[in-house]
Every structure is written in C-alpha cells, then in structure tokens.
Protein backbone atom coordinates (compact mmCIF):
# COMPACT_ATOMS: atom_id res chain seq x y z
CA MET A 1 -126.63 -29.99 35.77
CA ALA A 2 -128.27 -29.58 32.46
CA LYS A 3 -126.47 -30.94 29.33
CA TYR A 4 -126.93 -27.53 27.56
CA ILE A 5 -127.04 -23.95 28.78
CA LEU A 6 -128.84 -21.38 26.67
CA TRP A 7 -128.19 -17.63 27.02
CA HIS A 8 -131.56 -16.54 25.95
CA ASN A 9 -133.50 -13.33 25.40
CA PRO A 10 -137.23 -14.15 24.85
CA ARG A 11 -137.71 -10.76 23.17
CA CYS A 12 -135.32 -11.72 20.40
CA SER A 13 -136.84 -13.60 17.44
CA LYS A 14 -133.57 -15.49 16.73
CA SER A 15 -133.25 -16.47 20.36
CA ARG A 16 -136.90 -17.72 20.30
CA GLU A 17 -136.22 -19.73 17.15
CA GLY A 18 -133.13 -21.25 18.71
CA PHE A 19 -135.05 -22.16 21.78
CA LYS A 20 -137.59 -24.05 19.71
CA LEU A 21 -134.75 -26.19 18.17
CA LEU A 22 -133.86 -27.34 21.74
CA GLU A 23 -137.30 -28.68 22.53
CA GLY A 24 -137.08 -31.93 24.45
CA LEU A 25 -133.47 -31.52 25.43
CA ASP A 26 -132.02 -31.05 28.89
CA VAL A 27 -131.48 -27.32 28.68
CA GLU A 28 -130.91 -24.75 31.44
CA VAL A 29 -132.21 -21.39 30.21
CA ARG A 30 -130.46 -18.32 31.38
CA ARG A 31 -132.16 -15.04 30.66
CA TYR A 32 -128.91 -13.23 30.58
CA ILE A 33 -130.53 -9.82 30.37
CA ASP A 34 -132.21 -10.40 33.77
CA ASN A 35 -129.33 -12.55 35.12
CA PRO A 36 -126.21 -11.00 33.58
CA PRO A 37 -123.02 -12.98 33.38
CA THR A 38 -120.00 -11.80 35.35
CA CYS A 39 -116.95 -10.62 33.43
CA GLU A 40 -115.32 -13.94 34.28
CA GLU A 41 -118.29 -15.98 32.94
CA LEU A 42 -118.30 -13.94 29.76
CA GLN A 43 -114.58 -14.51 29.28
CA GLU A 44 -115.06 -18.19 29.76
CA VAL A 45 -117.90 -18.25 27.12
CA LEU A 46 -115.74 -16.20 24.68
CA LYS A 47 -113.04 -18.78 25.12
CA LYS A 48 -115.48 -21.60 24.43
CA LEU A 49 -116.70 -19.69 21.32
CA GLY A 50 -113.11 -18.99 20.18
CA MET A 51 -114.05 -15.35 19.79
CA GLN A 52 -112.81 -11.89 20.85
CA PRO A 53 -115.25 -9.50 22.64
CA SER A 54 -115.46 -7.39 19.38
CA GLU A 55 -116.81 -10.45 17.58
CA LEU A 56 -119.65 -11.01 20.11
CA VAL A 57 -120.75 -7.41 20.65
CA ARG A 58 -123.93 -6.17 18.97
CA THR A 59 -122.56 -3.38 16.90
CA LYS A 60 -126.04 -2.34 15.65
CA GLU A 61 -127.29 -1.67 19.24
CA LYS A 62 -127.84 2.02 19.82
CA LEU A 63 -125.94 1.72 23.05
CA TYR A 64 -122.84 0.51 21.18
CA LYS A 65 -122.59 3.87 19.46
CA GLU A 66 -123.63 5.80 22.52
CA LEU A 67 -120.71 4.28 24.51
CA GLY A 68 -118.36 5.02 21.67
CA LEU A 69 -117.19 1.43 21.41
CA GLN A 70 -116.29 1.66 17.69
CA ASN A 71 -112.60 2.21 18.51
CA ALA A 72 -112.57 0.53 21.90
CA SER A 73 -110.12 -2.08 23.04
CA GLN A 74 -111.12 -5.73 23.49
CA GLU A 75 -111.00 -5.12 27.34
CA GLU A 76 -113.21 -2.08 27.13
CA ILE A 77 -115.75 -3.95 24.94
CA LEU A 78 -115.78 -6.85 27.39
CA LYS A 79 -116.37 -4.43 30.31
CA ALA A 80 -119.19 -2.73 28.42
CA MET A 81 -120.83 -6.14 27.67
CA CYS A 82 -120.61 -7.04 31.35
CA GLU A 83 -122.17 -3.77 32.39
CA HIS A 84 -124.81 -3.74 29.59
CA PRO A 85 -125.67 -7.43 28.76
CA ARG A 86 -127.97 -6.42 25.91
CA LEU A 87 -124.79 -5.75 24.00
CA ILE A 88 -124.06 -9.43 23.98
CA GLU A 89 -125.00 -11.21 20.71
CA ARG A 90 -127.62 -13.84 21.16
CA PRO A 91 -128.59 -16.59 21.51
CA ILE A 92 -125.59 -18.54 22.82
CA LEU A 93 -125.75 -22.40 23.38
CA ILE A 94 -123.14 -23.83 25.64
CA LYS A 95 -122.28 -27.54 25.94
CA GLY A 96 -119.21 -28.54 28.10
CA ASP A 97 -116.15 -26.73 26.78
CA LYS A 98 -117.83 -25.56 23.55
CA ALA A 99 -120.39 -22.84 22.63
CA VAL A 100 -122.02 -21.48 19.51
CA VAL A 101 -123.84 -18.29 18.72
CA GLY A 102 -127.23 -19.13 17.11
CA ARG A 103 -126.87 -16.78 14.23
CA PRO A 104 -128.61 -18.33 12.37
CA PRO A 105 -130.37 -20.54 14.96
CA GLU A 106 -129.53 -23.64 12.88
CA ARG A 107 -125.92 -23.27 14.06
CA PHE A 108 -127.06 -24.91 17.34
CA LYS A 109 -126.96 -28.17 15.38
CA GLU A 110 -123.16 -28.05 15.64
CA LEU A 111 -123.49 -28.80 19.35
CA ILE A 112 -126.58 -30.98 19.32
CA ASP A 113 -126.06 -34.63 18.63
CA GLU A 114 -129.72 -35.49 19.17
CA ILE A 115 -131.03 -33.45 16.16
C-alpha cells in the first residue's frame, strides 16, 4: 500500500500543483471524479481532516446552488458529495489517520516529512 493517497482531479490547477509537490514519493493517485468515494470513505476522510461536510463542499460549484445545498444539513451535503463527487474540495492528501486539503497546495507539506 502506498504511503500517501491523493484524491486528484487532473483538470484542476490546484490539484495539478499539489501532485507536482509529491513527485518522487510513494503516492497512490485516486481520480475521485472517475472513481468516486463511497459515503463511508468520504466520512472517514472527513474524520481524518477534522471537518464537517459543509467545510469540504465546493460552494462555488454551479451544482451546489442547483441542488439547493445552501441551507442543507450536514447529512444532506455528505449525500450530495457522494452522489456528485465534483462537489468535493480538492486535492486531498491522505497519510495514515491524517489528511489535508491542498488549498493552497503547499499545505501538503504538513503531511510530508520528506520535503
């Protein structure tokens, strides 16, 4: 198993920048748009991040407004992110029982001891 797991969207500039910071490391790349996490996996990552679903959802996504998530419960937001993975903020780097959102990508350094 890889030392790091990166939830990556190659179409996202921040995700690409974060990916570059991981060059040479043992990283499993998960293109979470093509291979969406289950709700259980997403809950596990939220726990590792120490975040609520409302803190990880992309509020500027058109779909966020279309689904009327502005006043939704945490459970409803979680369900929406499971059904529509592009609503998940990216990139996310996971190492063991910790994770960090790469916004900005330099935040990955919090988990990377080799840099």
